[in-house]
Amino acid sequence: MPEISRFYGIVIKMFFKPKEHEPSHIHALYGEYAGIFDLKTLEMTEGDLPQKAQSIVKEWLQLNTEKLEKMWNSQKIEKLPPLE
């Protein structure tokens, strides 16, 4: 799964599987924790990511939603800046 960004110990990844992997989402990994975030609602739909890490991921998602949707639709991954 290609890495898109990394910040505060959180790794953001996206994986494509045509027609099998909707809705559009990203994977956030933090140590032994993981979460899947819907790109439209910005909510965690699966996983056990701690609340603080969820908040950080959501903040980053708000800044990058348009670029992430574009990546999902084009299926072309690019690195995005970390949350600072």
C-alpha atoms as a PDB file:
ATOM      1  CA  MET A   1       0.000   0.000   0.000  1.00  0.00           C
ATOM      2  CA  PRO A   2       1.722   3.246  -1.108  1.00  0.00           C
ATOM      3  CA  GLU A   3       2.577   5.797   1.579  1.00  0.00           C
ATOM      4  CA  ILE A   4       1.125   9.277   1.036  1.00  0.00           C
ATOM      5  CA  SER A   5       2.328  11.083   4.144  1.00  0.00           C
ATOM      6  CA  ARG A   6       3.886  10.594   7.587  1.00  0.00           C
ATOM      7  CA  PHE A   7       3.563  12.860  10.646  1.00  0.00           C
ATOM      8  CA  TYR A   8       3.544  12.525  14.442  1.00  0.00           C
ATOM      9  CA  GLY A   9       4.188   8.795  14.128  1.00  0.00           C
ATOM     10  CA  ILE A  10       1.115   8.343  11.897  1.00  0.00           C
ATOM     11  CA  VAL A  11       1.522   6.853   8.416  1.00  0.00           C
ATOM     12  CA  ILE A  12      -1.142   7.604   5.783  1.00  0.00           C
ATOM     13  CA  LYS A  13      -1.592   5.125   2.933  1.00  0.00           C
ATOM     14  CA  MET A  14      -3.993   4.572   0.053  1.00  0.00           C
ATOM     15  CA  PHE A  15      -4.634   1.404  -1.915  1.00  0.00           C
ATOM     16  CA  PHE A  16      -6.683   0.907  -5.088  1.00  0.00           C
ATOM     17  CA  LYS A  17      -8.680  -2.114  -6.108  1.00  0.00           C
ATOM     18  CA  PRO A  18     -11.033  -1.240  -8.976  1.00  0.00           C
ATOM     19  CA  LYS A  19     -14.743  -1.670  -8.225  1.00  0.00           C
ATOM     20  CA  GLU A  20     -14.035  -3.491  -4.968  1.00  0.00           C
ATOM     21  CA  HIS A  21     -12.760  -0.827  -2.659  1.00  0.00           C
ATOM     22  CA  GLU A  22     -15.440   1.882  -2.395  1.00  0.00           C
ATOM     23  CA  PRO A  23     -16.081   4.222  -0.685  1.00  0.00           C
ATOM     24  CA  SER A  24     -12.981   6.343  -1.193  1.00  0.00           C
ATOM     25  CA  HIS A  25     -10.794   6.149   1.914  1.00  0.00           C
ATOM     26  CA  ILE A  26      -7.315   6.218   3.400  1.00  0.00           C
ATOM     27  CA  HIS A  27      -5.589   3.980   5.918  1.00  0.00           C
ATOM     28  CA  ALA A  28      -3.917   5.550   8.952  1.00  0.00           C
ATOM     29  CA  LEU A  29      -1.375   3.479  10.893  1.00  0.00           C
ATOM     30  CA  TYR A  30      -0.068   4.471  14.316  1.00  0.00           C
ATOM     31  CA  GLY A  31       2.128   1.876  16.017  1.00  0.00           C
ATOM     32  CA  GLU A  32      -0.008  -1.227  16.458  1.00  0.00           C
ATOM     33  CA  TYR A  33      -3.214   0.755  15.788  1.00  0.00           C
ATOM     34  CA  ALA A  34      -4.940   1.271  12.454  1.00  0.00           C
ATOM     35  CA  GLY A  35      -7.942   3.133  11.133  1.00  0.00           C
ATOM     36  CA  ILE A  36      -9.791   3.534   7.839  1.00  0.00           C
ATOM     37  CA  PHE A  37     -11.149   7.028   7.139  1.00  0.00           C
ATOM     38  CA  ASP A  38     -13.875   7.817   4.612  1.00  0.00           C
ATOM     39  CA  LEU A  39     -12.767  10.706   2.350  1.00  0.00           C
ATOM     40  CA  LYS A  40     -16.276  12.123   2.066  1.00  0.00           C
ATOM     41  CA  THR A  41     -17.260  12.153   5.754  1.00  0.00           C
ATOM     42  CA  LEU A  42     -13.698  12.242   7.201  1.00  0.00           C
ATOM     43  CA  GLU A  43     -14.920   9.778   9.842  1.00  0.00           C
ATOM     44  CA  MET A  44     -13.115   6.607  10.889  1.00  0.00           C
ATOM     45  CA  THR A  45     -15.232   3.724   9.591  1.00  0.00           C
ATOM     46  CA  GLU A  46     -13.076   0.849  10.876  1.00  0.00           C
ATOM     47  CA  GLY A  47     -10.200   0.402  13.247  1.00  0.00           C
ATOM     48  CA  ASP A  48      -8.903   1.033  16.724  1.00  0.00           C
ATOM     49  CA  LEU A  49      -6.924   4.270  16.315  1.00  0.00           C
ATOM     50  CA  PRO A  50      -6.813   6.217  19.619  1.00  0.00           C
ATOM     51  CA  GLN A  51      -9.015   9.329  19.786  1.00  0.00           C
ATOM     52  CA  LYS A  52      -6.072  11.784  19.763  1.00  0.00           C
ATOM     53  CA  ALA A  53      -4.623  10.146  16.631  1.00  0.00           C
ATOM     54  CA  GLN A  54      -8.084  10.218  15.010  1.00  0.00           C
ATOM     55  CA  SER A  55      -8.285  13.968  15.630  1.00  0.00           C
ATOM     56  CA  ILE A  56      -4.853  14.526  14.080  1.00  0.00           C
ATOM     57  CA  VAL A  57      -5.762  12.442  11.003  1.00  0.00           C
ATOM     58  CA  LYS A  58      -9.054  14.329  10.581  1.00  0.00           C
ATOM     59  CA  GLU A  59      -7.217  17.670  10.743  1.00  0.00           C
ATOM     60  CA  TRP A  60      -4.825  16.478   8.022  1.00  0.00           C
ATOM     61  CA  LEU A  61      -7.738  15.130   5.950  1.00  0.00           C
ATOM     62  CA  GLN A  62      -9.503  18.506   6.061  1.00  0.00           C
ATOM     63  CA  LEU A  63      -6.405  20.135   4.571  1.00  0.00           C
ATOM     64  CA  ASN A  64      -5.986  17.517   1.830  1.00  0.00           C
ATOM     65  CA  THR A  65      -9.489  16.261   0.948  1.00  0.00           C
ATOM     66  CA  GLU A  66      -9.491  17.634  -2.593  1.00  0.00           C
ATOM     67  CA  LYS A  67      -6.065  16.189  -3.436  1.00  0.00           C
ATOM     68  CA  LEU A  68      -6.976  12.830  -1.913  1.00  0.00           C
ATOM     69  CA  GLU A  69     -10.226  12.603  -3.889  1.00  0.00           C
ATOM     70  CA  LYS A  70      -8.284  13.463  -7.048  1.00  0.00           C
ATOM     71  CA  MET A  71      -5.769  10.695  -6.262  1.00  0.00           C
ATOM     72  CA  TRP A  72      -8.586   8.218  -5.602  1.00  0.00           C
ATOM     73  CA  ASN A  73     -10.294   9.055  -8.900  1.00  0.00           C
ATOM     74  CA  SER A  74      -7.119   9.097 -11.012  1.00  0.00           C
ATOM     75  CA  GLN A  75      -5.476   6.210  -9.150  1.00  0.00           C
ATOM     76  CA  LYS A  76      -2.197   8.127  -9.232  1.00  0.00           C
ATOM     77  CA  ILE A  77      -0.473   8.432  -5.870  1.00  0.00           C
ATOM     78  CA  GLU A  78       1.547  11.482  -4.910  1.00  0.00           C
ATOM     79  CA  LYS A  79       3.223  12.414  -1.636  1.00  0.00           C
ATOM     80  CA  LEU A  80       1.386  15.042   0.405  1.00  0.00           C
ATOM     81  CA  PRO A  81       2.961  17.295   3.036  1.00  0.00           C
ATOM     82  CA  PRO A  82       2.789  16.248   6.672  1.00  0.00           C
ATOM     83  CA  LEU A  83       0.718  18.050   9.274  1.00  0.00           C
ATOM     84  CA  GLU A  84       2.890  20.622  11.012  1.00  0.00           C
END
